[in-house]
N, C-alpha and C. Protein backbone atom coordinates (compact mmCIF):
# COMPACT_ATOMS: atom_id res chain seq x y z
N UNK A 1 127.85 94.63 70.49
CA UNK A 1 126.88 94.59 69.39
C UNK A 1 126.39 96.00 69.11
N UNK A 2 126.27 96.34 67.86
CA UNK A 2 125.87 97.68 67.46
C UNK A 2 124.47 97.65 66.87
N UNK A 3 123.63 98.57 67.33
CA UNK A 3 122.26 98.71 66.82
C UNK A 3 122.05 100.17 66.46
N UNK A 4 121.79 100.44 65.18
CA UNK A 4 121.55 101.81 64.69
C UNK A 4 122.70 102.74 65.08
N UNK A 5 123.94 102.24 64.95
CA UNK A 5 125.10 103.07 65.24
C UNK A 5 125.42 103.19 66.71
N UNK A 6 124.70 102.49 67.57
CA UNK A 6 124.91 102.56 69.01
C UNK A 6 125.48 101.23 69.47
N UNK A 7 126.61 101.26 70.16
CA UNK A 7 127.23 100.06 70.71
C UNK A 7 126.67 99.83 72.10
N UNK A 8 125.97 98.71 72.27
CA UNK A 8 125.32 98.43 73.54
C UNK A 8 126.32 98.37 74.68
N UNK A 9 127.54 97.87 74.39
CA UNK A 9 128.55 97.70 75.42
C UNK A 9 129.38 98.96 75.66
N UNK A 10 129.20 99.98 74.86
CA UNK A 10 129.97 101.22 75.01
C UNK A 10 129.03 102.37 75.38
N UNK A 11 128.99 102.75 76.66
CA UNK A 11 128.07 103.82 77.09
C UNK A 11 128.31 105.15 76.39
N UNK A 12 129.55 105.37 75.85
CA UNK A 12 129.85 106.65 75.22
C UNK A 12 129.12 106.82 73.89
N UNK A 13 128.60 105.73 73.34
CA UNK A 13 127.85 105.83 72.08
C UNK A 13 126.35 105.96 72.31
N UNK A 14 125.94 105.89 73.56
CA UNK A 14 124.50 105.99 73.85
C UNK A 14 124.04 107.42 73.63
N UNK A 15 122.86 107.55 73.09
CA UNK A 15 122.33 108.87 72.73
C UNK A 15 121.29 109.28 73.76
N UNK A 16 121.61 110.33 74.52
CA UNK A 16 120.67 110.87 75.50
C UNK A 16 120.28 112.28 75.08
N UNK A 17 119.01 112.56 75.08
CA UNK A 17 118.53 113.90 74.76
C UNK A 17 118.49 114.74 76.02
N UNK A 18 119.30 115.78 76.13
CA UNK A 18 119.37 116.54 77.39
C UNK A 18 118.15 117.44 77.59
N UNK A 19 117.92 117.75 78.87
CA UNK A 19 116.90 118.72 79.26
C UNK A 19 115.52 118.39 78.71
N UNK A 20 115.19 117.10 78.71
CA UNK A 20 113.86 116.68 78.27
C UNK A 20 113.13 116.08 79.47
N UNK A 21 112.00 116.63 79.79
CA UNK A 21 111.21 116.15 80.91
C UNK A 21 109.93 115.54 80.40
N UNK A 22 109.63 114.35 80.90
CA UNK A 22 108.41 113.67 80.48
C UNK A 22 107.23 114.20 81.28
N UNK A 23 106.19 114.54 80.58
CA UNK A 23 104.98 114.99 81.26
C UNK A 23 104.19 113.79 81.77
N UNK A 24 103.89 113.78 83.04
CA UNK A 24 103.14 112.67 83.62
C UNK A 24 102.42 113.12 84.87
N UNK A 25 101.52 112.28 85.33
CA UNK A 25 100.74 112.60 86.51
C UNK A 25 101.53 112.25 87.76
N UNK A 26 101.50 113.14 88.74
CA UNK A 26 102.15 112.90 90.02
C UNK A 26 101.21 112.06 90.89
N UNK A 27 101.30 110.73 90.71
CA UNK A 27 100.36 109.83 91.38
C UNK A 27 100.51 109.90 92.89
N UNK A 28 101.76 109.87 93.37
CA UNK A 28 101.97 109.88 94.81
C UNK A 28 101.47 111.17 95.44
N UNK A 29 101.71 112.30 94.76
CA UNK A 29 101.20 113.57 95.26
C UNK A 29 99.69 113.58 95.31
N UNK A 30 99.06 113.01 94.29
CA UNK A 30 97.60 112.94 94.27
C UNK A 30 97.06 112.07 95.40
N UNK A 31 97.75 110.95 95.67
CA UNK A 31 97.32 110.06 96.75
C UNK A 31 97.43 110.76 98.10
N UNK A 32 98.57 111.42 98.34
CA UNK A 32 98.78 112.12 99.62
C UNK A 32 97.76 113.23 99.80
N UNK A 33 97.50 113.99 98.72
CA UNK A 33 96.50 115.06 98.80
C UNK A 33 95.12 114.50 99.10
N UNK A 34 94.76 113.38 98.45
CA UNK A 34 93.44 112.79 98.66
C UNK A 34 93.28 112.31 100.09
N UNK A 35 94.33 111.69 100.64
CA UNK A 35 94.26 111.22 102.03
C UNK A 35 94.11 112.40 102.99
N UNK A 36 94.93 113.43 102.80
CA UNK A 36 94.85 114.60 103.67
C UNK A 36 93.50 115.31 103.54
N UNK A 37 93.00 115.41 102.31
CA UNK A 37 91.71 116.06 102.07
C UNK A 37 90.58 115.28 102.73
N UNK A 38 90.64 113.94 102.65
CA UNK A 38 89.62 113.11 103.29
C UNK A 38 89.64 113.25 104.80
N UNK A 39 90.86 113.33 105.38
CA UNK A 39 90.95 113.51 106.84
C UNK A 39 90.34 114.84 107.26
N UNK A 40 90.60 115.88 106.49
CA UNK A 40 90.05 117.20 106.81
C UNK A 40 88.52 117.18 106.72
N UNK A 41 87.98 116.55 105.68
CA UNK A 41 86.52 116.47 105.55
C UNK A 41 85.91 115.71 106.72
N UNK A 42 86.59 114.62 107.14
CA UNK A 42 86.08 113.85 108.29
C UNK A 42 86.10 114.65 109.57
N UNK A 43 87.08 115.50 109.76
CA UNK A 43 87.18 116.30 110.98
C UNK A 43 86.21 117.48 110.97
N UNK A 44 85.66 117.82 109.82
CA UNK A 44 84.71 118.94 109.74
C UNK A 44 83.34 118.57 110.29
N UNK A 45 83.06 117.28 110.41
CA UNK A 45 81.78 116.85 110.96
C UNK A 45 80.62 117.14 110.03
N UNK A 46 79.56 117.74 110.57
CA UNK A 46 78.36 118.02 109.79
C UNK A 46 78.62 119.03 108.67
N UNK A 47 79.54 119.95 108.88
CA UNK A 47 79.83 120.93 107.83
C UNK A 47 80.43 120.26 106.59
N UNK A 48 81.15 119.19 106.79
CA UNK A 48 81.77 118.51 105.66
C UNK A 48 80.93 117.41 105.06
N UNK A 49 79.73 117.15 105.64
CA UNK A 49 78.90 116.05 105.14
C UNK A 49 78.47 116.23 103.69
N UNK A 50 78.03 117.45 103.24
CA UNK A 50 77.66 117.59 101.82
C UNK A 50 78.81 117.23 100.87
N UNK A 51 80.02 117.65 101.23
CA UNK A 51 81.17 117.33 100.38
C UNK A 51 81.45 115.84 100.40
N UNK A 52 81.30 115.20 101.55
CA UNK A 52 81.50 113.76 101.65
C UNK A 52 80.47 113.01 100.80
N UNK A 53 79.21 113.43 100.86
CA UNK A 53 78.17 112.78 100.07
C UNK A 53 78.42 112.98 98.57
N UNK A 54 78.96 114.15 98.20
CA UNK A 54 79.28 114.40 96.80
C UNK A 54 80.34 113.41 96.30
N UNK A 55 81.40 113.23 97.08
CA UNK A 55 82.46 112.32 96.66
C UNK A 55 81.99 110.86 96.72
N UNK A 56 81.10 110.53 97.64
CA UNK A 56 80.53 109.18 97.66
C UNK A 56 79.74 108.91 96.38
N UNK A 57 78.92 109.89 95.99
CA UNK A 57 78.14 109.73 94.76
C UNK A 57 79.05 109.69 93.53
N UNK A 58 80.10 110.51 93.53
CA UNK A 58 81.05 110.50 92.41
C UNK A 58 81.76 109.15 92.32
N UNK A 59 82.12 108.59 93.48
CA UNK A 59 82.77 107.27 93.49
C UNK A 59 81.86 106.20 92.91
N UNK A 60 80.59 106.20 93.30
CA UNK A 60 79.64 105.21 92.77
C UNK A 60 79.45 105.39 91.27
N UNK A 61 79.40 106.64 90.81
CA UNK A 61 79.22 106.90 89.38
C UNK A 61 80.42 106.38 88.58
N UNK A 62 81.63 106.59 89.11
CA UNK A 62 82.83 106.10 88.43
C UNK A 62 82.85 104.58 88.40
N UNK A 63 82.42 103.95 89.51
CA UNK A 63 82.36 102.49 89.56
C UNK A 63 81.43 101.95 88.47
N UNK A 64 80.26 102.56 88.30
CA UNK A 64 79.32 102.11 87.28
C UNK A 64 79.89 102.34 85.88
N UNK A 65 80.59 103.47 85.69
CA UNK A 65 81.20 103.74 84.39
C UNK A 65 82.27 102.70 84.06
N UNK A 66 83.04 102.29 85.06
CA UNK A 66 84.07 101.27 84.84
C UNK A 66 83.43 99.95 84.43
N UNK A 67 82.30 99.60 85.05
CA UNK A 67 81.59 98.38 84.68
C UNK A 67 81.18 98.41 83.20
N UNK A 68 80.68 99.56 82.74
CA UNK A 68 80.27 99.67 81.34
C UNK A 68 81.48 99.52 80.41
N UNK A 69 82.58 100.18 80.76
CA UNK A 69 83.79 100.10 79.93
C UNK A 69 84.31 98.66 79.88
N UNK A 70 84.22 97.94 80.98
CA UNK A 70 84.70 96.56 81.02
C UNK A 70 83.91 95.66 80.07
N UNK A 71 82.63 95.96 79.88
CA UNK A 71 81.82 95.14 78.97
C UNK A 71 82.23 95.35 77.51
N UNK A 72 82.65 96.58 77.17
CA UNK A 72 82.97 96.88 75.78
C UNK A 72 84.46 96.73 75.46
N UNK A 73 85.32 96.69 76.48
CA UNK A 73 86.77 96.64 76.24
C UNK A 73 87.21 95.41 75.46
N UNK A 74 86.64 94.20 75.65
CA UNK A 74 87.11 93.06 74.85
C UNK A 74 86.95 93.27 73.35
N UNK A 75 85.89 93.95 72.92
CA UNK A 75 85.69 94.21 71.49
C UNK A 75 86.78 95.12 70.96
N UNK A 76 87.06 96.20 71.69
CA UNK A 76 88.11 97.13 71.26
C UNK A 76 89.48 96.47 71.23
N UNK A 77 89.79 95.67 72.25
CA UNK A 77 91.08 94.99 72.30
C UNK A 77 91.21 94.01 71.14
N UNK A 78 90.11 93.32 70.79
CA UNK A 78 90.13 92.37 69.68
C UNK A 78 90.52 93.07 68.38
N UNK A 79 89.94 94.23 68.11
CA UNK A 79 90.26 94.94 66.87
C UNK A 79 91.68 95.49 66.89
N UNK A 80 92.17 95.92 68.05
CA UNK A 80 93.54 96.40 68.14
C UNK A 80 94.53 95.28 67.82
N UNK A 81 94.28 94.09 68.37
CA UNK A 81 95.16 92.96 68.11
C UNK A 81 95.08 92.54 66.65
N UNK A 82 93.85 92.54 66.08
CA UNK A 82 93.68 92.16 64.68
C UNK A 82 94.46 93.08 63.75
N UNK A 83 94.47 94.37 64.06
CA UNK A 83 95.21 95.32 63.22
C UNK A 83 96.71 95.04 63.26
N UNK A 84 97.24 94.68 64.42
CA UNK A 84 98.67 94.37 64.54
C UNK A 84 99.01 93.08 63.80
N UNK A 85 98.11 92.09 63.85
CA UNK A 85 98.36 90.81 63.17
C UNK A 85 98.41 91.01 61.66
N UNK A 86 97.51 91.82 61.13
CA UNK A 86 97.48 92.07 59.68
C UNK A 86 98.76 92.77 59.23
N UNK A 87 99.33 93.62 60.09
CA UNK A 87 100.53 94.37 59.72
C UNK A 87 101.81 93.54 59.81
N UNK A 88 101.76 92.32 60.35
CA UNK A 88 102.95 91.50 60.51
C UNK A 88 103.42 90.93 59.17
N UNK A 89 104.74 90.89 58.96
CA UNK A 89 105.31 90.29 57.75
C UNK A 89 105.35 88.77 57.85
N UNK A 90 105.70 88.26 59.04
CA UNK A 90 105.79 86.81 59.25
C UNK A 90 105.06 86.46 60.54
N UNK A 91 103.72 86.35 60.49
CA UNK A 91 102.95 86.10 61.71
C UNK A 91 103.34 84.81 62.43
N UNK A 92 103.68 83.77 61.67
CA UNK A 92 103.99 82.49 62.30
C UNK A 92 105.22 82.59 63.20
N UNK A 93 106.28 83.20 62.68
CA UNK A 93 107.49 83.36 63.48
C UNK A 93 107.24 84.26 64.68
N UNK A 94 106.50 85.35 64.48
CA UNK A 94 106.24 86.27 65.58
C UNK A 94 105.36 85.63 66.65
N UNK A 95 104.39 84.80 66.22
CA UNK A 95 103.55 84.11 67.21
C UNK A 95 104.37 83.14 68.05
N UNK A 96 105.37 82.52 67.43
CA UNK A 96 106.23 81.63 68.20
C UNK A 96 106.99 82.37 69.28
N UNK A 97 107.52 83.54 68.92
CA UNK A 97 108.24 84.34 69.90
C UNK A 97 107.31 84.88 70.98
N UNK A 98 106.16 85.38 70.54
CA UNK A 98 105.20 85.92 71.50
C UNK A 98 104.69 84.82 72.43
N UNK A 99 104.54 83.59 71.90
CA UNK A 99 104.09 82.48 72.73
C UNK A 99 105.06 82.19 73.87
N UNK A 100 106.37 82.19 73.57
CA UNK A 100 107.36 81.99 74.62
C UNK A 100 107.36 83.16 75.61
N UNK A 101 107.18 84.35 75.07
CA UNK A 101 107.10 85.54 75.94
C UNK A 101 105.90 85.44 76.89
N UNK A 102 104.75 85.06 76.36
CA UNK A 102 103.56 84.92 77.18
C UNK A 102 103.74 83.83 78.23
N UNK A 103 104.35 82.71 77.83
CA UNK A 103 104.57 81.60 78.77
C UNK A 103 105.48 82.04 79.92
N UNK A 104 106.50 82.83 79.60
CA UNK A 104 107.41 83.31 80.64
C UNK A 104 106.70 84.24 81.62
N UNK A 105 105.90 85.17 81.08
CA UNK A 105 105.17 86.11 81.94
C UNK A 105 104.16 85.36 82.81
N UNK A 106 103.41 84.44 82.22
CA UNK A 106 102.41 83.68 82.98
C UNK A 106 103.08 82.83 84.06
N UNK A 107 104.22 82.23 83.73
CA UNK A 107 104.93 81.42 84.72
C UNK A 107 105.38 82.28 85.90
N UNK A 108 105.93 83.46 85.61
CA UNK A 108 106.36 84.35 86.69
C UNK A 108 105.19 84.83 87.53
N UNK A 109 104.10 85.21 86.89
CA UNK A 109 102.92 85.66 87.63
C UNK A 109 102.31 84.53 88.45
N UNK A 110 102.35 83.30 87.93
CA UNK A 110 101.80 82.16 88.66
C UNK A 110 102.62 81.87 89.92
N UNK A 111 103.95 81.93 89.80
CA UNK A 111 104.80 81.72 90.98
C UNK A 111 104.51 82.79 92.04
N UNK A 112 104.38 84.03 91.58
CA UNK A 112 104.11 85.12 92.52
C UNK A 112 102.72 84.99 93.16
N UNK A 113 101.74 84.62 92.34
CA UNK A 113 100.35 84.59 92.81
C UNK A 113 100.02 83.37 93.67
N UNK A 114 100.57 82.21 93.28
CA UNK A 114 100.17 80.97 93.93
C UNK A 114 101.20 80.42 94.93
N UNK A 115 102.36 81.07 95.02
CA UNK A 115 103.36 80.62 95.99
C UNK A 115 103.76 81.75 96.94
N UNK A 116 104.24 82.86 96.36
CA UNK A 116 104.74 83.95 97.20
C UNK A 116 103.62 84.61 98.02
N UNK A 117 102.55 85.04 97.35
CA UNK A 117 101.47 85.73 98.05
C UNK A 117 100.75 84.84 99.07
N UNK A 118 100.43 83.57 98.74
CA UNK A 118 99.83 82.71 99.79
C UNK A 118 100.74 82.51 100.99
N UNK A 119 102.06 82.41 100.78
CA UNK A 119 102.97 82.27 101.91
C UNK A 119 102.94 83.51 102.80
N UNK A 120 102.89 84.68 102.19
CA UNK A 120 102.79 85.92 102.96
C UNK A 120 101.49 85.94 103.75
N UNK A 121 100.40 85.52 103.10
CA UNK A 121 99.08 85.50 103.77
C UNK A 121 99.10 84.54 104.97
N UNK A 122 99.71 83.37 104.80
CA UNK A 122 99.77 82.39 105.89
C UNK A 122 100.61 82.92 107.05
N UNK A 123 101.75 83.55 106.74
CA UNK A 123 102.64 84.04 107.79
C UNK A 123 101.95 85.10 108.65
N UNK A 124 101.20 86.00 108.02
CA UNK A 124 100.63 87.12 108.76
C UNK A 124 99.25 86.83 109.35
N UNK A 125 98.49 85.92 108.76
CA UNK A 125 97.13 85.67 109.25
C UNK A 125 96.94 84.31 109.90
N UNK A 126 97.84 83.35 109.60
CA UNK A 126 97.71 81.97 110.09
C UNK A 126 96.39 81.34 109.66
N UNK A 127 95.95 81.68 108.45
CA UNK A 127 94.69 81.14 107.92
C UNK A 127 94.94 80.51 106.56
N UNK A 128 93.94 79.74 106.11
CA UNK A 128 94.04 79.06 104.82
C UNK A 128 93.82 80.08 103.69
N UNK A 129 94.81 80.29 102.83
CA UNK A 129 94.63 81.27 101.74
C UNK A 129 93.62 80.84 100.70
N UNK A 130 93.32 79.53 100.62
CA UNK A 130 92.36 79.05 99.63
C UNK A 130 90.99 79.66 99.86
N UNK A 131 90.59 79.81 101.11
CA UNK A 131 89.29 80.41 101.41
C UNK A 131 89.24 81.87 100.96
N UNK A 132 90.35 82.54 101.10
CA UNK A 132 90.39 83.94 100.67
C UNK A 132 90.32 84.03 99.14
N UNK A 133 91.04 83.13 98.45
CA UNK A 133 91.00 83.12 96.99
C UNK A 133 89.59 82.85 96.48
N UNK A 134 88.89 81.92 97.13
CA UNK A 134 87.52 81.61 96.71
C UNK A 134 86.59 82.80 96.93
N UNK A 135 86.83 83.55 98.00
CA UNK A 135 85.97 84.69 98.30
C UNK A 135 86.13 85.81 97.28
N UNK A 136 87.33 85.93 96.70
CA UNK A 136 87.59 87.01 95.73
C UNK A 136 87.80 86.44 94.33
N UNK A 137 87.24 85.26 94.07
CA UNK A 137 87.43 84.61 92.76
C UNK A 137 86.91 85.48 91.62
N UNK A 138 85.79 86.15 91.82
CA UNK A 138 85.24 87.01 90.76
C UNK A 138 86.21 88.14 90.42
N UNK A 139 86.81 88.73 91.44
CA UNK A 139 87.78 89.81 91.20
C UNK A 139 89.03 89.28 90.49
N UNK A 140 89.47 88.08 90.86
CA UNK A 140 90.65 87.50 90.23
C UNK A 140 90.41 87.22 88.75
N UNK A 141 89.24 86.66 88.44
CA UNK A 141 88.91 86.38 87.04
C UNK A 141 88.78 87.67 86.23
N UNK A 142 88.20 88.69 86.85
CA UNK A 142 88.08 89.98 86.17
C UNK A 142 89.45 90.59 85.92
N UNK A 143 90.36 90.46 86.88
CA UNK A 143 91.71 90.98 86.72
C UNK A 143 92.45 90.27 85.58
N UNK A 144 92.24 88.96 85.47
CA UNK A 144 92.87 88.21 84.38
C UNK A 144 92.33 88.68 83.03
N UNK A 145 91.02 88.93 82.97
CA UNK A 145 90.40 89.33 81.71
C UNK A 145 90.71 90.75 81.29
N UNK A 146 90.86 91.65 82.25
CA UNK A 146 91.07 93.07 81.93
C UNK A 146 92.53 93.49 82.04
N UNK A 147 93.34 92.73 82.80
CA UNK A 147 94.75 93.10 83.05
C UNK A 147 94.85 94.50 83.64
N UNK A 148 93.86 94.87 84.45
CA UNK A 148 93.86 96.21 85.04
C UNK A 148 93.34 96.14 86.46
N UNK A 149 94.17 96.53 87.42
CA UNK A 149 93.72 96.55 88.81
C UNK A 149 92.70 97.66 89.04
N UNK A 150 92.82 98.75 88.27
CA UNK A 150 91.87 99.86 88.41
C UNK A 150 90.48 99.44 87.93
N UNK A 151 90.43 98.73 86.81
CA UNK A 151 89.14 98.27 86.29
C UNK A 151 88.52 97.21 87.19
N UNK A 152 89.36 96.46 87.90
CA UNK A 152 88.87 95.39 88.79
C UNK A 152 88.49 95.93 90.15
N UNK A 153 88.88 97.17 90.46
CA UNK A 153 88.69 97.72 91.79
C UNK A 153 87.25 97.64 92.32
N UNK A 154 86.22 98.00 91.54
CA UNK A 154 84.85 97.91 92.08
C UNK A 154 84.47 96.49 92.50
N UNK A 155 84.87 95.49 91.71
CA UNK A 155 84.54 94.10 92.04
C UNK A 155 85.35 93.63 93.25
N UNK A 156 86.60 94.06 93.34
CA UNK A 156 87.42 93.70 94.50
C UNK A 156 86.81 94.23 95.78
N UNK A 157 86.37 95.47 95.75
CA UNK A 157 85.74 96.08 96.93
C UNK A 157 84.48 95.31 97.31
N UNK A 158 83.65 95.00 96.30
CA UNK A 158 82.40 94.28 96.57
C UNK A 158 82.67 92.89 97.14
N UNK A 159 83.64 92.18 96.60
CA UNK A 159 83.96 90.83 97.09
C UNK A 159 84.43 90.85 98.54
N UNK A 160 85.30 91.78 98.86
CA UNK A 160 85.83 91.83 100.22
C UNK A 160 84.77 92.28 101.23
N UNK A 161 83.91 93.18 100.81
CA UNK A 161 82.87 93.65 101.74
C UNK A 161 81.76 92.62 101.90
N UNK A 162 81.36 91.96 100.82
CA UNK A 162 80.23 91.02 100.87
C UNK A 162 80.65 89.62 101.31
N UNK A 163 81.80 89.15 100.81
CA UNK A 163 82.21 87.77 101.09
C UNK A 163 83.13 87.64 102.29
N UNK A 164 84.01 88.62 102.49
CA UNK A 164 84.94 88.57 103.63
C UNK A 164 84.50 89.46 104.77
N UNK A 165 83.44 90.24 104.56
CA UNK A 165 82.85 91.09 105.61
C UNK A 165 83.88 92.05 106.21
N UNK A 166 84.69 92.65 105.35
CA UNK A 166 85.66 93.64 105.78
C UNK A 166 84.99 95.01 105.81
N UNK A 167 85.30 95.80 106.81
CA UNK A 167 84.71 97.12 106.97
C UNK A 167 84.95 97.95 105.71
N UNK A 168 83.88 98.60 105.24
CA UNK A 168 83.98 99.40 104.02
C UNK A 168 84.96 100.56 104.18
N UNK A 169 85.15 101.05 105.41
CA UNK A 169 86.10 102.13 105.63
C UNK A 169 87.52 101.65 105.35
N UNK A 170 87.77 100.38 105.57
CA UNK A 170 89.09 99.81 105.31
C UNK A 170 89.28 99.55 103.82
N UNK A 171 88.30 98.89 103.19
CA UNK A 171 88.43 98.54 101.78
C UNK A 171 88.52 99.78 100.90
N UNK A 172 87.72 100.79 101.18
CA UNK A 172 87.67 101.97 100.31
C UNK A 172 88.84 102.92 100.55
N UNK A 173 89.64 102.64 101.60
CA UNK A 173 90.86 103.40 101.81
C UNK A 173 92.09 102.64 101.30
N UNK A 174 92.16 101.35 101.62
CA UNK A 174 93.36 100.57 101.31
C UNK A 174 93.40 100.17 99.83
N UNK A 175 92.28 99.68 99.29
CA UNK A 175 92.29 99.12 97.94
C UNK A 175 92.62 100.14 96.85
N UNK A 176 92.04 101.35 96.85
CA UNK A 176 92.43 102.31 95.81
C UNK A 176 93.92 102.66 95.85
N UNK A 177 94.48 102.77 97.07
CA UNK A 177 95.92 103.05 97.17
C UNK A 177 96.73 101.86 96.65
N UNK A 178 96.31 100.65 97.04
CA UNK A 178 97.01 99.47 96.58
C UNK A 178 96.94 99.30 95.07
N UNK A 179 95.78 99.59 94.48
CA UNK A 179 95.64 99.47 93.03
C UNK A 179 96.48 100.50 92.28
N UNK A 180 96.79 101.61 92.95
CA UNK A 180 97.57 102.67 92.30
C UNK A 180 99.07 102.47 92.48
N UNK A 181 99.49 102.03 93.66
CA UNK A 181 100.91 101.98 94.01
C UNK A 181 101.50 100.59 93.83
N UNK A 182 100.78 99.56 94.24
CA UNK A 182 101.34 98.21 94.19
C UNK A 182 101.41 97.72 92.75
N UNK A 183 102.62 97.47 92.24
CA UNK A 183 102.81 97.11 90.83
C UNK A 183 103.73 95.91 90.69
N UNK A 184 103.44 94.84 91.42
CA UNK A 184 104.27 93.64 91.33
C UNK A 184 104.24 93.06 89.92
N UNK A 185 103.04 92.93 89.36
CA UNK A 185 102.91 92.38 88.02
C UNK A 185 103.58 93.25 86.97
N UNK A 186 103.49 94.56 87.14
CA UNK A 186 104.13 95.47 86.19
C UNK A 186 105.65 95.33 86.22
N UNK A 187 106.21 95.20 87.43
CA UNK A 187 107.66 95.04 87.56
C UNK A 187 108.12 93.76 86.86
N UNK A 188 107.38 92.67 87.03
CA UNK A 188 107.74 91.42 86.39
C UNK A 188 107.59 91.52 84.87
N UNK A 189 106.47 92.09 84.45
CA UNK A 189 106.19 92.20 83.01
C UNK A 189 107.24 93.04 82.30
N UNK A 190 107.63 94.17 82.90
CA UNK A 190 108.57 95.07 82.22
C UNK A 190 109.93 94.41 82.03
N UNK A 191 110.39 93.67 83.04
CA UNK A 191 111.68 92.99 82.91
C UNK A 191 111.65 91.97 81.78
N UNK A 192 110.58 91.17 81.72
CA UNK A 192 110.46 90.16 80.67
C UNK A 192 110.28 90.83 79.31
N UNK A 193 109.55 91.94 79.27
CA UNK A 193 109.32 92.64 78.00
C UNK A 193 110.63 93.17 77.42
N UNK A 194 111.50 93.71 78.28
CA UNK A 194 112.79 94.22 77.79
C UNK A 194 113.63 93.08 77.23
N UNK A 195 113.64 91.94 77.91
CA UNK A 195 114.39 90.78 77.41
C UNK A 195 113.83 90.31 76.07
N UNK A 196 112.51 90.30 75.96
CA UNK A 196 111.87 89.88 74.71
C UNK A 196 112.23 90.81 73.56
N UNK A 197 112.18 92.12 73.80
CA UNK A 197 112.50 93.10 72.76
C UNK A 197 113.97 92.98 72.36
N UNK A 198 114.82 92.75 73.37
CA UNK A 198 116.25 92.60 73.06
C UNK A 198 116.49 91.38 72.18
N UNK A 199 115.85 90.27 72.49
CA UNK A 199 116.02 89.05 71.71
C UNK A 199 115.47 89.20 70.30
N UNK A 200 114.33 89.86 70.15
CA UNK A 200 113.75 90.07 68.82
C UNK A 200 114.68 90.90 67.94
N UNK A 201 115.39 91.87 68.55
CA UNK A 201 116.30 92.73 67.79
C UNK A 201 117.72 92.20 67.75
N UNK A 202 117.93 90.97 68.27
CA UNK A 202 119.24 90.36 68.20
C UNK A 202 120.26 90.93 69.15
N UNK A 203 119.81 91.54 70.24
CA UNK A 203 120.72 92.11 71.22
C UNK A 203 120.95 91.09 72.34
N UNK A 204 122.20 90.79 72.62
CA UNK A 204 122.55 89.80 73.64
C UNK A 204 122.81 90.50 74.97
N UNK A 205 122.14 90.03 76.02
CA UNK A 205 122.32 90.60 77.36
C UNK A 205 122.99 89.55 78.24
N UNK A 206 124.11 89.93 78.87
CA UNK A 206 124.78 88.99 79.76
C UNK A 206 124.10 88.97 81.13
N UNK A 207 124.63 88.14 82.05
CA UNK A 207 124.01 87.97 83.36
C UNK A 207 124.00 89.28 84.15
N UNK A 208 125.08 90.06 84.04
CA UNK A 208 125.14 91.32 84.76
C UNK A 208 124.06 92.30 84.32
N UNK A 209 123.83 92.38 83.02
CA UNK A 209 122.80 93.29 82.50
C UNK A 209 121.40 92.82 82.88
N UNK A 210 121.20 91.50 82.92
CA UNK A 210 119.89 90.98 83.31
C UNK A 210 119.61 91.29 84.78
N UNK A 211 120.65 91.14 85.63
CA UNK A 211 120.48 91.46 87.05
C UNK A 211 120.20 92.96 87.23
N UNK A 212 120.93 93.80 86.49
CA UNK A 212 120.69 95.24 86.55
C UNK A 212 119.28 95.59 86.08
N UNK A 213 118.80 94.88 85.07
CA UNK A 213 117.45 95.08 84.57
C UNK A 213 116.42 94.72 85.63
N UNK A 214 116.70 93.66 86.36
CA UNK A 214 115.78 93.23 87.42
C UNK A 214 115.65 94.29 88.51
N UNK A 215 116.80 94.84 88.93
CA UNK A 215 116.78 95.88 89.95
C UNK A 215 116.13 97.16 89.42
N UNK A 216 116.33 97.44 88.14
CA UNK A 216 115.72 98.63 87.55
C UNK A 216 114.20 98.51 87.51
N UNK A 217 113.69 97.31 87.26
CA UNK A 217 112.24 97.12 87.24
C UNK A 217 111.65 97.30 88.63
N UNK A 218 112.38 96.83 89.66
CA UNK A 218 111.91 97.05 91.03
C UNK A 218 111.95 98.52 91.40
N UNK A 219 112.99 99.22 90.90
CA UNK A 219 113.08 100.65 91.15
C UNK A 219 111.90 101.38 90.51
N UNK A 220 111.54 100.96 89.30
CA UNK A 220 110.40 101.59 88.61
C UNK A 220 109.11 101.30 89.35
N UNK A 221 109.01 100.07 89.90
CA UNK A 221 107.81 99.70 90.65
C UNK A 221 107.66 100.57 91.89
N UNK A 222 108.80 100.87 92.54
CA UNK A 222 108.75 101.62 93.80
C UNK A 222 108.92 103.12 93.61
N UNK A 223 108.86 103.61 92.38
CA UNK A 223 109.10 105.04 92.14
C UNK A 223 108.03 105.92 92.78
N UNK A 224 106.85 105.33 93.06
CA UNK A 224 105.77 106.11 93.64
C UNK A 224 105.87 106.15 95.16
N UNK A 225 106.72 105.31 95.76
CA UNK A 225 106.76 105.20 97.21
C UNK A 225 107.68 106.26 97.81
């Protein structure tokens, strides 16, 4: 099949722009530097206390700022969606396609969230995962509403410290790293999004290409590791 002069099945017709580098943030480098910097501050003892208090205050300020942004984000998202709907030529047909796309993503996320993750929790802790879900219910609902682990981070930390009584030294070290690196939902979403875009543009993908797409999404998920 040919799209814009490019044959999907013929790699020789694919157009690659050479010597182009995408500008982006080195997340893994930033994480490693932050961990090493925190260890050094901790080993400095009293000399490093002013710097530690500064970063503690900065962390609290960012948490409060995220809370404010979360309150106003639904209004902004509503107007962004409204603008896209107005620009559609055939909203009814597009809504039908988007509805199937949303159902596929939600089904995949539900299987991962309510089957895979609870099984992992049971295997490693030998405890009832339902109690853990109830303890972090506020964080889960916030994550569903914002679709952002970074925006949900302050509530996740509060739920685990207040409801599960986990040491703050653990939550404030593990959760920011997990919110930055762990991208299970992103890996699932990107694979489904590519299939959706291909179908909208009339591009047929065989089983081999779908499997390759699946592995590529996992590779993208683990690119920070």
